[in-house]
Amino acid sequence: MSLRDVDAIDYIGVNILFKRVYVGLFDELDWRDEREHQDLLTKKIDRYIRYIRSGKLLLNYPKVRGYEIVIEYVSTHPMPSSAREYWKSRERLLSEAGFSTRARGVDVRPALGIAVEQP
């Protein structure tokens, strides 16, 4: 999936042991155009909130009723400090809406066949 595809839910993962459902947002874009990046991220997050609140999550995954909902942000590019501040503001918004958040970065270069230098 892509951050540019703001109408799609990128992935959903269920952890039955800890009773959590992860609604994941995959961000493959760099941060050269921070304004556009933030706009896309805002639209995508709003879409996720609408998806959950509309009941579609429970309609598609009825066994997760009562599970903690975690909005998971996965980025392939490091965030500059201004982007980290922006993400913190989104975390506050999501928390106020009743959702947990998780953010992590992944290095997809090995999967793409790009050599990674070890320090």
PDB file of N, CA and C in Angstrom:
ATOM      1  N   MET A   1       0.832  -1.176   0.000  1.00  0.00           N
ATOM      2  CA  MET A   1       0.000   0.000   0.000  1.00  0.00           C
ATOM      3  C   MET A   1       0.881   1.245   0.000  1.00  0.00           C
ATOM      4  N   SER A   2       0.238   2.369  -0.103  1.00  0.00           N
ATOM      5  CA  SER A   2       0.951   3.629  -0.205  1.00  0.00           C
ATOM      6  C   SER A   2       0.259   4.697   0.615  1.00  0.00           C
ATOM      7  N   LEU A   3       1.034   5.619   1.127  1.00  0.00           N
ATOM      8  CA  LEU A   3       0.464   6.750   1.841  1.00  0.00           C
ATOM      9  C   LEU A   3      -0.413   7.569   0.896  1.00  0.00           C
ATOM     10  N   ARG A   4      -0.070   7.576  -0.385  1.00  0.00           N
ATOM     11  CA  ARG A   4      -0.854   8.335  -1.372  1.00  0.00           C
ATOM     12  C   ARG A   4      -2.252   7.736  -1.585  1.00  0.00           C
ATOM     13  N   ASP A   5      -2.433   6.484  -1.251  1.00  0.00           N
ATOM     14  CA  ASP A   5      -3.738   5.842  -1.388  1.00  0.00           C
ATOM     15  C   ASP A   5      -4.501   6.062  -0.078  1.00  0.00           C
ATOM     16  N   VAL A   6      -4.997   7.283   0.094  1.00  0.00           N
ATOM     17  CA  VAL A   6      -5.577   7.681   1.381  1.00  0.00           C
ATOM     18  C   VAL A   6      -6.895   6.975   1.703  1.00  0.00           C
ATOM     19  N   ASP A   7      -7.513   6.361   0.712  1.00  0.00           N
ATOM     20  CA  ASP A   7      -8.787   5.693   0.966  1.00  0.00           C
ATOM     21  C   ASP A   7      -8.650   4.213   1.305  1.00  0.00           C
ATOM     22  N   ALA A   8      -7.421   3.717   1.364  1.00  0.00           N
ATOM     23  CA  ALA A   8      -7.210   2.297   1.647  1.00  0.00           C
ATOM     24  C   ALA A   8      -6.663   2.092   3.062  1.00  0.00           C
ATOM     25  N   ILE A   9      -7.107   1.023   3.689  1.00  0.00           N
ATOM     26  CA  ILE A   9      -6.514   0.582   4.950  1.00  0.00           C
ATOM     27  C   ILE A   9      -5.338  -0.303   4.550  1.00  0.00           C
ATOM     28  N   ASP A  10      -4.129   0.052   4.982  1.00  0.00           N
ATOM     29  CA  ASP A  10      -2.937  -0.650   4.508  1.00  0.00           C
ATOM     30  C   ASP A  10      -2.851  -2.075   5.027  1.00  0.00           C
ATOM     31  N   TYR A  11      -3.068  -2.266   6.319  1.00  0.00           N
ATOM     32  CA  TYR A  11      -3.096  -3.631   6.846  1.00  0.00           C
ATOM     33  C   TYR A  11      -3.771  -3.657   8.203  1.00  0.00           C
ATOM     34  N   ILE A  12      -4.238  -4.832   8.557  1.00  0.00           N
ATOM     35  CA  ILE A  12      -4.832  -5.067   9.868  1.00  0.00           C
ATOM     36  C   ILE A  12      -4.204  -6.329  10.430  1.00  0.00           C
ATOM     37  N   GLY A  13      -3.728  -6.220  11.649  1.00  0.00           N
ATOM     38  CA  GLY A  13      -3.140  -7.368  12.329  1.00  0.00           C
ATOM     39  C   GLY A  13      -3.826  -7.558  13.669  1.00  0.00           C
ATOM     40  N   VAL A  14      -4.004  -8.795  14.051  1.00  0.00           N
ATOM     41  CA  VAL A  14      -4.692  -9.101  15.305  1.00  0.00           C
ATOM     42  C   VAL A  14      -3.752  -9.890  16.204  1.00  0.00           C
ATOM     43  N   ASN A  15      -3.592  -9.408  17.426  1.00  0.00           N
ATOM     44  CA  ASN A  15      -2.812 -10.113  18.433  1.00  0.00           C
ATOM     45  C   ASN A  15      -3.813 -10.652  19.458  1.00  0.00           C
ATOM     46  N   ILE A  16      -4.120 -11.949  19.342  1.00  0.00           N
ATOM     47  CA  ILE A  16      -5.134 -12.522  20.234  1.00  0.00           C
ATOM     48  C   ILE A  16      -4.615 -12.698  21.656  1.00  0.00           C
ATOM     49  N   LEU A  17      -3.315 -12.853  21.813  1.00  0.00           N
ATOM     50  CA  LEU A  17      -2.743 -13.031  23.143  1.00  0.00           C
ATOM     51  C   LEU A  17      -2.930 -11.775  23.995  1.00  0.00           C
ATOM     52  N   PHE A  18      -2.643 -10.598  23.410  1.00  0.00           N
ATOM     53  CA  PHE A  18      -2.748  -9.336  24.145  1.00  0.00           C
ATOM     54  C   PHE A  18      -4.051  -8.585  23.848  1.00  0.00           C
ATOM     55  N   LYS A  19      -4.929  -9.212  23.044  1.00  0.00           N
ATOM     56  CA  LYS A  19      -6.220  -8.624  22.702  1.00  0.00           C
ATOM     57  C   LYS A  19      -6.068  -7.214  22.130  1.00  0.00           C
ATOM     58  N   ARG A  20      -5.281  -7.147  21.060  1.00  0.00           N
ATOM     59  CA  ARG A  20      -5.066  -5.888  20.349  1.00  0.00           C
ATOM     60  C   ARG A  20      -5.296  -6.109  18.861  1.00  0.00           C
ATOM     61  N   VAL A  21      -5.853  -5.086  18.230  1.00  0.00           N
ATOM     62  CA  VAL A  21      -5.970  -5.100  16.778  1.00  0.00           C
ATOM     63  C   VAL A  21      -5.179  -3.890  16.269  1.00  0.00           C
ATOM     64  N   TYR A  22      -4.262  -4.171  15.366  1.00  0.00           N
ATOM     65  CA  TYR A  22      -3.408  -3.131  14.794  1.00  0.00           C
ATOM     66  C   TYR A  22      -3.965  -2.726  13.440  1.00  0.00           C
ATOM     67  N   VAL A  23      -4.291  -1.459  13.313  1.00  0.00           N
ATOM     68  CA  VAL A  23      -4.731  -0.914  12.046  1.00  0.00           C
ATOM     69  C   VAL A  23      -3.530  -0.117  11.534  1.00  0.00           C
ATOM     70  N   GLY A  24      -2.848  -0.695  10.541  1.00  0.00           N
ATOM     71  CA  GLY A  24      -1.545  -0.186  10.150  1.00  0.00           C
ATOM     72  C   GLY A  24      -1.557   0.735   8.947  1.00  0.00           C
ATOM     73  N   LEU A  25      -0.703   1.720   9.057  1.00  0.00           N
ATOM     74  CA  LEU A  25      -0.531   2.727   8.027  1.00  0.00           C
ATOM     75  C   LEU A  25       0.919   2.656   7.558  1.00  0.00           C
ATOM     76  N   PHE A  26       1.126   2.337   6.308  1.00  0.00           N
ATOM     77  CA  PHE A  26       2.468   2.179   5.759  1.00  0.00           C
ATOM     78  C   PHE A  26       2.862   3.432   4.986  1.00  0.00           C
ATOM     79  N   ASP A  27       3.985   4.032   5.367  1.00  0.00           N
ATOM     80  CA  ASP A  27       4.454   5.285   4.764  1.00  0.00           C
ATOM     81  C   ASP A  27       5.788   5.050   4.068  1.00  0.00           C
ATOM     82  N   GLU A  28       5.751   5.002   2.751  1.00  0.00           N
ATOM     83  CA  GLU A  28       6.961   4.758   1.970  1.00  0.00           C
ATOM     84  C   GLU A  28       7.591   6.046   1.432  1.00  0.00           C
ATOM     85  N   LEU A  29       6.995   7.195   1.738  1.00  0.00           N
ATOM     86  CA  LEU A  29       7.459   8.465   1.176  1.00  0.00           C
ATOM     87  C   LEU A  29       8.573   9.084   2.014  1.00  0.00           C
ATOM     88  N   ASP A  30       9.460   9.825   1.339  1.00  0.00           N
ATOM     89  CA  ASP A  30      10.462  10.589   2.083  1.00  0.00           C
ATOM     90  C   ASP A  30       9.809  11.902   2.543  1.00  0.00           C
ATOM     91  N   TRP A  31      10.561  12.708   3.247  1.00  0.00           N
ATOM     92  CA  TRP A  31      10.007  13.924   3.846  1.00  0.00           C
ATOM     93  C   TRP A  31      10.467  15.194   3.130  1.00  0.00           C
ATOM     94  N   ARG A  32      10.847  15.099   1.859  1.00  0.00           N
ATOM     95  CA  ARG A  32      11.310  16.298   1.138  1.00  0.00           C
ATOM     96  C   ARG A  32      10.235  17.378   1.071  1.00  0.00           C
ATOM     97  N   ASP A  33       9.000  16.969   0.846  1.00  0.00           N
ATOM     98  CA  ASP A  33       7.883  17.920   0.825  1.00  0.00           C
ATOM     99  C   ASP A  33       7.046  17.661   2.075  1.00  0.00           C
ATOM    100  N   GLU A  34       7.457  18.275   3.178  1.00  0.00           N
ATOM    101  CA  GLU A  34       6.810  18.003   4.461  1.00  0.00           C
ATOM    102  C   GLU A  34       5.337  18.380   4.469  1.00  0.00           C
ATOM    103  N   ARG A  35       4.994  19.486   3.837  1.00  0.00           N
ATOM    104  CA  ARG A  35       3.594  19.930   3.835  1.00  0.00           C
ATOM    105  C   ARG A  35       2.691  18.880   3.175  1.00  0.00           C
ATOM    106  N   GLU A  36       3.085  18.416   1.986  1.00  0.00           N
ATOM    107  CA  GLU A  36       2.295  17.403   1.298  1.00  0.00           C
ATOM    108  C   GLU A  36       2.252  16.103   2.113  1.00  0.00           C
ATOM    109  N   HIS A  37       3.384  15.740   2.694  1.00  0.00           N
ATOM    110  CA  HIS A  37       3.471  14.521   3.490  1.00  0.00           C
ATOM    111  C   HIS A  37       2.497  14.592   4.668  1.00  0.00           C
ATOM    112  N   GLN A  38       2.503  15.705   5.363  1.00  0.00           N
ATOM    113  CA  GLN A  38       1.601  15.870   6.502  1.00  0.00           C
ATOM    114  C   GLN A  38       0.141  15.873   6.061  1.00  0.00           C
ATOM    115  N   ASP A  39      -0.147  16.496   4.926  1.00  0.00           N
ATOM    116  CA  ASP A  39      -1.524  16.497   4.412  1.00  0.00           C
ATOM    117  C   ASP A  39      -1.997  15.073   4.116  1.00  0.00           C
ATOM    118  N   LEU A  40      -1.149  14.285   3.446  1.00  0.00           N
ATOM    119  CA  LEU A  40      -1.512  12.906   3.133  1.00  0.00           C
ATOM    120  C   LEU A  40      -1.695  12.085   4.403  1.00  0.00           C
ATOM    121  N   LEU A  41      -0.799  12.269   5.353  1.00  0.00           N
ATOM    122  CA  LEU A  41      -0.884  11.533   6.615  1.00  0.00           C
ATOM    123  C   LEU A  41      -2.157  11.903   7.374  1.00  0.00           C
ATOM    124  N   THR A  42      -2.496  13.176   7.380  1.00  0.00           N
ATOM    125  CA  THR A  42      -3.725  13.629   8.042  1.00  0.00           C
ATOM    126  C   THR A  42      -4.948  13.000   7.391  1.00  0.00           C
ATOM    127  N   LYS A  43      -4.996  12.998   6.063  1.00  0.00           N
ATOM    128  CA  LYS A  43      -6.132  12.399   5.350  1.00  0.00           C
ATOM    129  C   LYS A  43      -6.241  10.913   5.639  1.00  0.00           C
ATOM    130  N   LYS A  44      -5.100  10.240   5.657  1.00  0.00           N
ATOM    131  CA  LYS A  44      -5.109   8.794   5.883  1.00  0.00           C
ATOM    132  C   LYS A  44      -5.563   8.478   7.307  1.00  0.00           C
ATOM    133  N   ILE A  45      -5.074   9.217   8.276  1.00  0.00           N
ATOM    134  CA  ILE A  45      -5.474   9.005   9.671  1.00  0.00           C
ATOM    135  C   ILE A  45      -6.969   9.264   9.828  1.00  0.00           C
ATOM    136  N   ASP A  46      -7.461  10.344   9.212  1.00  0.00           N
ATOM    137  CA  ASP A  46      -8.900  10.629   9.275  1.00  0.00           C
ATOM    138  C   ASP A  46      -9.710   9.482   8.682  1.00  0.00           C
ATOM    139  N   ARG A  47      -9.224   8.912   7.594  1.00  0.00           N
ATOM    140  CA  ARG A  47      -9.892   7.771   6.951  1.00  0.00           C
ATOM    141  C   ARG A  47      -9.935   6.574   7.894  1.00  0.00           C
ATOM    142  N   TYR A  48      -8.835   6.336   8.595  1.00  0.00           N
ATOM    143  CA  TYR A  48      -8.781   5.218   9.532  1.00  0.00           C
ATOM    144  C   TYR A  48      -9.795   5.402  10.660  1.00  0.00           C
ATOM    145  N   ILE A  49      -9.864   6.612  11.185  1.00  0.00           N
ATOM    146  CA  ILE A  49     -10.817   6.883  12.265  1.00  0.00           C
ATOM    147  C   ILE A  49     -12.244   6.657  11.769  1.00  0.00           C
ATOM    148  N   ARG A  50     -12.561   7.129  10.559  1.00  0.00           N
ATOM    149  CA  ARG A  50     -13.906   6.912   9.998  1.00  0.00           C
ATOM    150  C   ARG A  50     -14.187   5.416   9.815  1.00  0.00           C
ATOM    151  N   TYR A  51     -13.197   4.673   9.341  1.00  0.00           N
ATOM    152  CA  TYR A  51     -13.355   3.228   9.135  1.00  0.00           C
ATOM    153  C   TYR A  51     -13.696   2.531  10.456  1.00  0.00           C
ATOM    154  N   ILE A  52     -12.984   2.882  11.502  1.00  0.00           N
ATOM    155  CA  ILE A  52     -13.203   2.237  12.801  1.00  0.00           C
ATOM    156  C   ILE A  52     -14.554   2.654  13.391  1.00  0.00           C
ATOM    157  N   ARG A  53     -14.800   3.959  13.397  1.00  0.00           N
ATOM    158  CA  ARG A  53     -16.042   4.466  14.004  1.00  0.00           C
ATOM    159  C   ARG A  53     -17.295   4.069  13.235  1.00  0.00           C
ATOM    160  N   SER A  54     -17.151   3.798  11.958  1.00  0.00           N
ATOM    161  CA  SER A  54     -18.313   3.405  11.150  1.00  0.00           C
ATOM    162  C   SER A  54     -18.775   1.986  11.480  1.00  0.00           C
ATOM    163  N   GLY A  55     -17.936   1.235  12.183  1.00  0.00           N
ATOM    164  CA  GLY A  55     -18.269  -0.148  12.505  1.00  0.00           C
ATOM    165  C   GLY A  55     -17.742  -1.150  11.491  1.00  0.00           C
ATOM    166  N   LYS A  56     -17.089  -0.662  10.435  1.00  0.00           N
ATOM    167  CA  LYS A  56     -16.591  -1.573   9.396  1.00  0.00           C
ATOM    168  C   LYS A  56     -15.493  -2.498   9.914  1.00  0.00           C
ATOM    169  N   LEU A  57     -14.687  -2.013  10.847  1.00  0.00           N
ATOM    170  CA  LEU A  57     -13.646  -2.871  11.417  1.00  0.00           C
ATOM    171  C   LEU A  57     -14.291  -4.087  12.084  1.00  0.00           C
ATOM    172  N   LEU A  58     -15.290  -3.834  12.914  1.00  0.00           N
ATOM    173  CA  LEU A  58     -15.954  -4.945  13.612  1.00  0.00           C
ATOM    174  C   LEU A  58     -16.803  -5.794  12.669  1.00  0.00           C
ATOM    175  N   LEU A  59     -17.302  -5.195  11.623  1.00  0.00           N
ATOM    176  CA  LEU A  59     -18.053  -5.962  10.631  1.00  0.00           C
ATOM    177  C   LEU A  59     -17.122  -6.952   9.932  1.00  0.00           C
ATOM    178  N   ASN A  60     -15.920  -6.495   9.604  1.00  0.00           N
ATOM    179  CA  ASN A  60     -14.948  -7.352   8.915  1.00  0.00           C
ATOM    180  C   ASN A  60     -14.183  -8.277   9.857  1.00  0.00           C
ATOM    181  N   TYR A  61     -14.054  -7.874  11.113  1.00  0.00           N
ATOM    182  CA  TYR A  61     -13.304  -8.656  12.108  1.00  0.00           C
ATOM    183  C   TYR A  61     -14.123  -8.728  13.402  1.00  0.00           C
ATOM    184  N   PRO A  62     -15.224  -9.441  13.403  1.00  0.00           N
ATOM    185  CA  PRO A  62     -16.115  -9.437  14.574  1.00  0.00           C
ATOM    186  C   PRO A  62     -15.472  -9.988  15.847  1.00  0.00           C
ATOM    187  N   LYS A  63     -14.473 -10.833  15.718  1.00  0.00           N
ATOM    188  CA  LYS A  63     -13.851 -11.425  16.907  1.00  0.00           C
ATOM    189  C   LYS A  63     -12.965 -10.448  17.678  1.00  0.00           C
ATOM    190  N   VAL A  64     -12.727  -9.239  17.141  1.00  0.00           N
ATOM    191  CA  VAL A  64     -11.879  -8.276  17.845  1.00  0.00           C
ATOM    192  C   VAL A  64     -12.696  -7.321  18.718  1.00  0.00           C
ATOM    193  N   ARG A  65     -14.007  -7.577  18.832  1.00  0.00           N
ATOM    194  CA  ARG A  65     -14.831  -6.721  19.704  1.00  0.00           C
ATOM    195  C   ARG A  65     -14.240  -6.734  21.114  1.00  0.00           C
ATOM    196  N   GLY A  66     -14.024  -5.543  21.660  1.00  0.00           N
ATOM    197  CA  GLY A  66     -13.448  -5.419  22.989  1.00  0.00           C
ATOM    198  C   GLY A  66     -11.925  -5.342  23.002  1.00  0.00           C
ATOM    199  N   TYR A  67     -11.297  -5.569  21.865  1.00  0.00           N
ATOM    200  CA  TYR A  67      -9.838  -5.482  21.788  1.00  0.00           C
ATOM    201  C   TYR A  67      -9.396  -4.015  21.772  1.00  0.00           C
ATOM    202  N   GLU A  68      -8.208  -3.777  22.278  1.00  0.00           N
ATOM    203  CA  GLU A  68      -7.592  -2.454  22.174  1.00  0.00           C
ATOM    204  C   GLU A  68      -7.271  -2.199  20.698  1.00  0.00           C
ATOM    205  N   ILE A  69      -7.594  -1.009  20.215  1.00  0.00           N
ATOM    206  CA  ILE A  69      -7.289  -0.645  18.828  1.00  0.00           C
ATOM    207  C   ILE A  69      -6.034   0.218  18.818  1.00  0.00           C
ATOM    208  N   VAL A  70      -5.056  -0.229  18.060  1.00  0.00           N
ATOM    209  CA  VAL A  70      -3.776   0.469  17.953  1.00  0.00           C
ATOM    210  C   VAL A  70      -3.602   0.933  16.513  1.00  0.00           C
ATOM    211  N   ILE A  71      -3.432   2.236  16.338  1.00  0.00           N
ATOM    212  CA  ILE A  71      -3.098   2.771  15.023  1.00  0.00           C
ATOM    213  C   ILE A  71      -1.576   2.706  14.931  1.00  0.00           C
ATOM    214  N   GLU A  72      -1.090   1.891  14.010  1.00  0.00           N
ATOM    215  CA  GLU A  72       0.349   1.669  13.888  1.00  0.00           C
ATOM    216  C   GLU A  72       0.871   2.378  12.637  1.00  0.00           C
ATOM    217  N   TYR A  73       1.854   3.238  12.849  1.00  0.00           N
ATOM    218  CA  TYR A  73       2.487   3.992  11.758  1.00  0.00           C
ATOM    219  C   TYR A  73       3.845   3.367  11.473  1.00  0.00           C
ATOM    220  N   VAL A  74       4.026   2.895  10.247  1.00  0.00           N
ATOM    221  CA  VAL A  74       5.287   2.268   9.852  1.00  0.00           C
ATOM    222  C   VAL A  74       5.890   3.083   8.714  1.00  0.00           C
ATOM    223  N   SER A  75       7.094   3.583   8.939  1.00  0.00           N
ATOM    224  CA  SER A  75       7.745   4.450   7.970  1.00  0.00           C
ATOM    225  C   SER A  75       9.041   3.824   7.461  1.00  0.00           C
ATOM    226  N   THR A  76       9.301   4.017   6.172  1.00  0.00           N
ATOM    227  CA  THR A  76      10.553   3.524   5.609  1.00  0.00           C
ATOM    228  C   THR A  76      11.627   4.600   5.574  1.00  0.00           C
ATOM    229  N   HIS A  77      11.276   5.831   5.936  1.00  0.00           N
ATOM    230  CA  HIS A  77      12.239   6.933   5.958  1.00  0.00           C
ATOM    231  C   HIS A  77      12.241   7.579   7.336  1.00  0.00           C
ATOM    232  N   PRO A  78      13.419   7.948   7.834  1.00  0.00           N
ATOM    233  CA  PRO A  78      13.465   8.626   9.126  1.00  0.00           C
ATOM    234  C   PRO A  78      12.759   9.981   9.061  1.00  0.00           C
ATOM    235  N   MET A  79      12.144  10.347  10.169  1.00  0.00           N
ATOM    236  CA  MET A  79      11.435  11.619  10.244  1.00  0.00           C
ATOM    237  C   MET A  79      12.372  12.729  10.697  1.00  0.00           C
ATOM    238  N   PRO A  80      12.321  13.876  10.033  1.00  0.00           N
ATOM    239  CA  PRO A  80      13.044  15.033  10.568  1.00  0.00           C
ATOM    240  C   PRO A  80      12.342  15.497  11.853  1.00  0.00           C
ATOM    241  N   SER A  81      12.981  16.348  12.622  1.00  0.00           N
ATOM    242  CA  SER A  81      12.423  16.750  13.919  1.00  0.00           C
ATOM    243  C   SER A  81      11.042  17.384  13.777  1.00  0.00           C
ATOM    244  N   SER A  82      10.815  18.180  12.748  1.00  0.00           N
ATOM    245  CA  SER A  82       9.496  18.794  12.571  1.00  0.00           C
ATOM    246  C   SER A  82       8.433  17.729  12.304  1.00  0.00           C
ATOM    247  N   ALA A  83       8.789  16.684  11.594  1.00  0.00           N
ATOM    248  CA  ALA A  83       7.848  15.590  11.333  1.00  0.00           C
ATOM    249  C   ALA A  83       7.555  14.817  12.615  1.00  0.00           C
ATOM    250  N   ARG A  84       8.572  14.648  13.459  1.00  0.00           N
ATOM    251  CA  ARG A  84       8.341  13.976  14.740  1.00  0.00           C
ATOM    252  C   ARG A  84       7.365  14.777  15.592  1.00  0.00           C
ATOM    253  N   GLU A  85       7.481  16.101  15.577  1.00  0.00           N
ATOM    254  CA  GLU A  85       6.541  16.950  16.322  1.00  0.00           C
ATOM    255  C   GLU A  85       5.126  16.804  15.754  1.00  0.00           C
ATOM    256  N   TYR A  86       5.041  16.765  14.439  1.00  0.00           N
ATOM    257  CA  TYR A  86       3.744  16.561  13.799  1.00  0.00           C
ATOM    258  C   TYR A  86       3.146  15.215  14.240  1.00  0.00           C
ATOM    259  N   TRP A  87       3.955  14.146  14.215  1.00  0.00           N
ATOM    260  CA  TRP A  87       3.445  12.826  14.604  1.00  0.00           C
ATOM    261  C   TRP A  87       2.994  12.833  16.063  1.00  0.00           C
ATOM    262  N   LYS A  88       3.709  13.536  16.935  1.00  0.00           N
ATOM    263  CA  LYS A  88       3.294  13.629  18.339  1.00  0.00           C
ATOM    264  C   LYS A  88       1.915  14.273  18.447  1.00  0.00           C
ATOM    265  N   SER A  89       1.650  15.281  17.605  1.00  0.00           N
ATOM    266  CA  SER A  89       0.326  15.912  17.632  1.00  0.00           C
ATOM    267  C   SER A  89      -0.744  14.927  17.162  1.00  0.00           C
ATOM    268  N   ARG A  90      -0.423  14.072  16.197  1.00  0.00           N
ATOM    269  CA  ARG A  90      -1.371  13.050  15.734  1.00  0.00           C
ATOM    270  C   ARG A  90      -1.599  12.013  16.828  1.00  0.00           C
ATOM    271  N   GLU A  91      -0.539  11.647  17.545  1.00  0.00           N
ATOM    272  CA  GLU A  91      -0.684  10.689  18.643  1.00  0.00           C
ATOM    273  C   GLU A  91      -1.635  11.239  19.704  1.00  0.00           C
ATOM    274  N   ARG A  92      -1.509  12.522  20.024  1.00  0.00           N
ATOM    275  CA  ARG A  92      -2.419  13.126  21.004  1.00  0.00           C
ATOM    276  C   ARG A  92      -3.860  13.079  20.502  1.00  0.00           C
ATOM    277  N   LEU A  93      -4.058  13.423  19.234  1.00  0.00           N
ATOM    278  CA  LEU A  93      -5.393  13.393  18.646  1.00  0.00           C
ATOM    279  C   LEU A  93      -5.980  11.989  18.701  1.00  0.00           C
ATOM    280  N   LEU A  94      -5.196  11.000  18.328  1.00  0.00           N
ATOM    281  CA  LEU A  94      -5.666   9.612  18.333  1.00  0.00           C
ATOM    282  C   LEU A  94      -5.953   9.129  19.755  1.00  0.00           C
ATOM    283  N   SER A  95      -5.116   9.526  20.685  1.00  0.00           N
ATOM    284  CA  SER A  95      -5.333   9.153  22.080  1.00  0.00           C
ATOM    285  C   SER A  95      -6.648   9.746  22.590  1.00  0.00           C
ATOM    286  N   GLU A  96      -6.891  11.006  22.255  1.00  0.00           N
ATOM    287  CA  GLU A  96      -8.143  11.652  22.660  1.00  0.00           C
ATOM    288  C   GLU A  96      -9.354  10.979  22.023  1.00  0.00           C
ATOM    289  N   ALA A  97      -9.150  10.382  20.849  1.00  0.00           N
ATOM    290  CA  ALA A  97     -10.234   9.668  20.169  1.00  0.00           C
ATOM    291  C   ALA A  97     -10.408   8.250  20.710  1.00  0.00           C
ATOM    292  N   GLY A  98      -9.529   7.845  21.646  1.00  0.00           N
ATOM    293  CA  GLY A  98      -9.676   6.540  22.282  1.00  0.00           C
ATOM    294  C   GLY A  98      -8.818   5.430  21.707  1.00  0.00           C
ATOM    295  N   PHE A  99      -7.847   5.783  20.868  1.00  0.00           N
ATOM    296  CA  PHE A  99      -6.983   4.783  20.249  1.00  0.00           C
ATOM    297  C   PHE A  99      -5.573   4.863  20.800  1.00  0.00           C
ATOM    298  N   SER A 100      -4.907   3.729  20.807  1.00  0.00           N
ATOM    299  CA  SER A 100      -3.480   3.700  21.137  1.00  0.00           C
ATOM    300  C   SER A 100      -2.705   3.907  19.838  1.00  0.00           C
ATOM    301  N   THR A 101      -1.439   4.260  19.963  1.00  0.00           N
ATOM    302  CA  THR A 101      -0.613   4.445  18.770  1.00  0.00           C
ATOM    303  C   THR A 101       0.709   3.726  18.945  1.00  0.00           C
ATOM    304  N   ARG A 102       1.301   3.438  17.828  1.00  0.00           N
ATOM    305  CA  ARG A 102       2.636   2.844  17.796  1.00  0.00           C
ATOM    306  C   ARG A 102       3.286   3.338  16.511  1.00  0.00           C
ATOM    307  N   ALA A 103       4.534   3.742  16.607  1.00  0.00           N
ATOM    308  CA  ALA A 103       5.272   4.174  15.414  1.00  0.00           C
ATOM    309  C   ALA A 103       6.586   3.410  15.371  1.00  0.00           C
ATOM    310  N   ARG A 104       6.952   3.007  14.172  1.00  0.00           N
ATOM    311  CA  ARG A 104       8.225   2.321  14.009  1.00  0.00           C
ATOM    312  C   ARG A 104       8.733   2.521  12.597  1.00  0.00           C
ATOM    313  N   GLY A 105      10.015   2.399  12.463  1.00  0.00           N
ATOM    314  CA  GLY A 105      10.637   2.486  11.154  1.00  0.00           C
ATOM    315  C   GLY A 105      11.111   1.120  10.716  1.00  0.00           C
ATOM    316  N   VAL A 106      11.100   0.899   9.431  1.00  0.00           N
ATOM    317  CA  VAL A 106      11.612  -0.350   8.880  1.00  0.00           C
ATOM    318  C   VAL A 106      12.576  -0.022   7.752  1.00  0.00           C
ATOM    319  N   ASP A 107      13.578  -0.841   7.618  1.00  0.00           N
ATOM    320  CA  ASP A 107      14.547  -0.675   6.545  1.00  0.00           C
ATOM    321  C   ASP A 107      14.245  -1.731   5.488  1.00  0.00           C
ATOM    322  N   VAL A 108      13.672  -1.292   4.379  1.00  0.00           N
ATOM    323  CA  VAL A 108      13.263  -2.226   3.337  1.00  0.00           C
ATOM    324  C   VAL A 108      14.347  -2.446   2.282  1.00  0.00           C
ATOM    325  N   ARG A 109      15.491  -1.793   2.438  1.00  0.00           N
ATOM    326  CA  ARG A 109      16.536  -1.912   1.420  1.00  0.00           C
ATOM    327  C   ARG A 109      16.971  -3.352   1.179  1.00  0.00           C
ATOM    328  N   PRO A 110      17.203  -4.169   2.204  1.00  0.00           N
ATOM    329  CA  PRO A 110      17.603  -5.557   1.925  1.00  0.00           C
ATOM    330  C   PRO A 110      16.567  -6.323   1.094  1.00  0.00           C
ATOM    331  N   ALA A 111      15.286  -6.098   1.366  1.00  0.00           N
ATOM    332  CA  ALA A 111      14.235  -6.787   0.617  1.00  0.00           C
ATOM    333  C   ALA A 111      14.197  -6.346  -0.836  1.00  0.00           C
ATOM    334  N   LEU A 112      14.696  -5.141  -1.088  1.00  0.00           N
ATOM    335  CA  LEU A 112      14.716  -4.612  -2.454  1.00  0.00           C
ATOM    336  C   LEU A 112      16.022  -4.936  -3.166  1.00  0.00           C
ATOM    337  N   GLY A 113      16.910  -5.659  -2.476  1.00  0.00           N
ATOM    338  CA  GLY A 113      18.190  -6.026  -3.079  1.00  0.00           C
ATOM    339  C   GLY A 113      19.214  -4.914  -3.032  1.00  0.00           C
ATOM    340  N   ILE A 114      19.002  -3.924  -2.161  1.00  0.00           N
ATOM    341  CA  ILE A 114      19.933  -2.813  -2.014  1.00  0.00           C
ATOM    342  C   ILE A 114      20.874  -3.131  -0.855  1.00  0.00           C
ATOM    343  N   ALA A 115      22.175  -3.061  -1.145  1.00  0.00           N
ATOM    344  CA  ALA A 115      23.177  -3.375  -0.115  1.00  0.00           C
ATOM    345  C   ALA A 115      23.107  -2.345   1.018  1.00  0.00           C
ATOM    346  N   VAL A 116      23.250  -2.847   2.235  1.00  0.00           N
ATOM    347  CA  VAL A 116      23.244  -1.994   3.418  1.00  0.00           C
ATOM    348  C   VAL A 116      24.594  -2.119   4.085  1.00  0.00           C
ATOM    349  N   GLU A 117      25.280  -0.987   4.230  1.00  0.00           N
ATOM    350  CA  GLU A 117      26.585  -0.996   4.896  1.00  0.00           C
ATOM    351  C   GLU A 117      26.405  -1.133   6.401  1.00  0.00           C
ATOM    352  N   GLN A 118      27.172  -2.019   6.990  1.00  0.00           N
ATOM    353  CA  GLN A 118      27.128  -2.199   8.439  1.00  0.00           C
ATOM    354  C   GLN A 118      28.138  -1.263   9.088  1.00  0.00           C
ATOM    355  N   PRO A 119      27.787  -0.631  10.213  1.00  0.00           N
ATOM    356  CA  PRO A 119      28.715   0.290  10.885  1.00  0.00           C
ATOM    357  C   PRO A 119      29.901  -0.421  11.486  1.00  0.00           C
TER     358      PRO A 119
END
